[in-house]
Amino acid sequence: MNDRWKYQVKTGLPWGIFMTVFMAIYQMKEKPLLIQLNEGQFYFRLVCFLLFGVFVLGYSSWKAMTKRETKK
């Protein structure tokens, strides 16, 4: 794996996991955590957040980092 993909995974996965946990905690007012874990919507949201985090957020932060490094 090249450096760009390592960086994208390193930044995108924690963001996706954080957002999933945050949304689960936020929705605990309406549904208990065990019910959320048994629904397919929870896992769909997890996959969506992870994909968005790695591909969109990771790529945009990689581009910003390379732009900052070239300015130095």
Protein backbone atom coordinates (compact mmCIF):
# COMPACT_ATOMS: atom_id res chain seq x y z
CA MET A 1 0.00 0.00 0.00
CA ASN A 2 1.37 3.40 -0.85
CA ASP A 3 1.62 6.31 1.56
CA ARG A 4 -1.56 8.01 0.37
CA TRP A 5 -3.74 4.98 1.10
CA LYS A 6 -2.09 4.43 4.47
CA TYR A 7 -2.82 8.04 5.36
CA GLN A 8 -6.41 7.84 4.11
CA VAL A 9 -7.10 4.69 6.13
CA LYS A 10 -5.35 6.12 9.19
CA THR A 11 -7.52 9.24 9.15
CA GLY A 12 -10.77 7.86 7.75
CA LEU A 13 -11.29 4.76 9.90
CA PRO A 14 -11.15 6.53 13.28
CA TRP A 15 -13.54 9.18 11.99
CA GLY A 16 -16.00 6.54 10.76
CA ILE A 17 -15.86 4.64 14.03
CA PHE A 18 -16.23 7.81 16.07
CA MET A 19 -19.25 8.95 14.08
CA THR A 20 -20.92 5.55 14.37
CA VAL A 21 -20.41 5.46 18.14
CA PHE A 22 -21.55 9.07 18.47
CA MET A 23 -24.73 8.39 16.48
CA ALA A 24 -25.45 5.25 18.54
CA ILE A 25 -25.06 7.18 21.78
CA TYR A 26 -27.23 10.00 20.45
CA GLN A 27 -29.98 7.58 19.43
CA MET A 28 -29.94 5.76 22.78
CA LYS A 29 -32.66 8.16 23.89
CA GLU A 30 -35.03 6.54 21.37
CA LYS A 31 -33.63 2.99 21.08
CA PRO A 32 -31.44 1.00 23.45
CA LEU A 33 -28.01 0.03 22.16
CA LEU A 34 -28.80 -3.69 21.87
CA ILE A 35 -31.77 -2.97 19.62
CA GLN A 36 -29.62 -0.70 17.47
CA LEU A 37 -26.97 -3.44 17.15
CA ASN A 38 -29.59 -5.95 16.00
CA GLU A 39 -30.85 -3.71 13.20
CA GLY A 40 -29.32 -3.63 9.76
CA GLN A 41 -29.45 0.17 9.71
CA PHE A 42 -26.65 0.34 12.28
CA TYR A 43 -24.28 -1.69 10.10
CA PHE A 44 -25.29 0.18 6.96
CA ARG A 45 -24.49 3.45 8.71
CA LEU A 46 -21.17 2.01 9.91
CA VAL A 47 -20.16 1.02 6.39
CA CYS A 48 -21.26 4.37 4.96
CA PHE A 49 -19.32 6.35 7.57
CA LEU A 50 -16.22 4.21 7.06
CA LEU A 51 -16.34 4.53 3.28
CA PHE A 52 -16.95 8.26 3.46
CA GLY A 53 -14.19 8.68 6.01
CA VAL A 54 -11.60 6.75 4.03
CA PHE A 55 -12.39 7.87 0.51
CA VAL A 56 -13.70 11.42 0.87
CA LEU A 57 -12.33 12.72 4.14
CA GLY A 58 -9.05 10.85 3.89
CA TYR A 59 -8.45 11.99 0.33
CA SER A 60 -9.29 15.62 1.00
CA SER A 61 -7.05 15.70 4.08
CA TRP A 62 -4.25 14.02 2.06
CA LYS A 63 -4.53 16.70 -0.63
CA ALA A 64 -4.48 19.45 2.01
CA MET A 65 -1.44 17.90 3.68
CA THR A 66 0.49 17.64 0.40
CA LYS A 67 -0.45 21.22 -0.46
CA ARG A 68 0.87 22.42 2.92
CA GLU A 69 4.09 20.47 2.45
CA THR A 70 4.73 21.93 -1.00
CA LYS A 71 4.30 25.48 0.33
CA LYS A 72 7.10 24.98 2.87
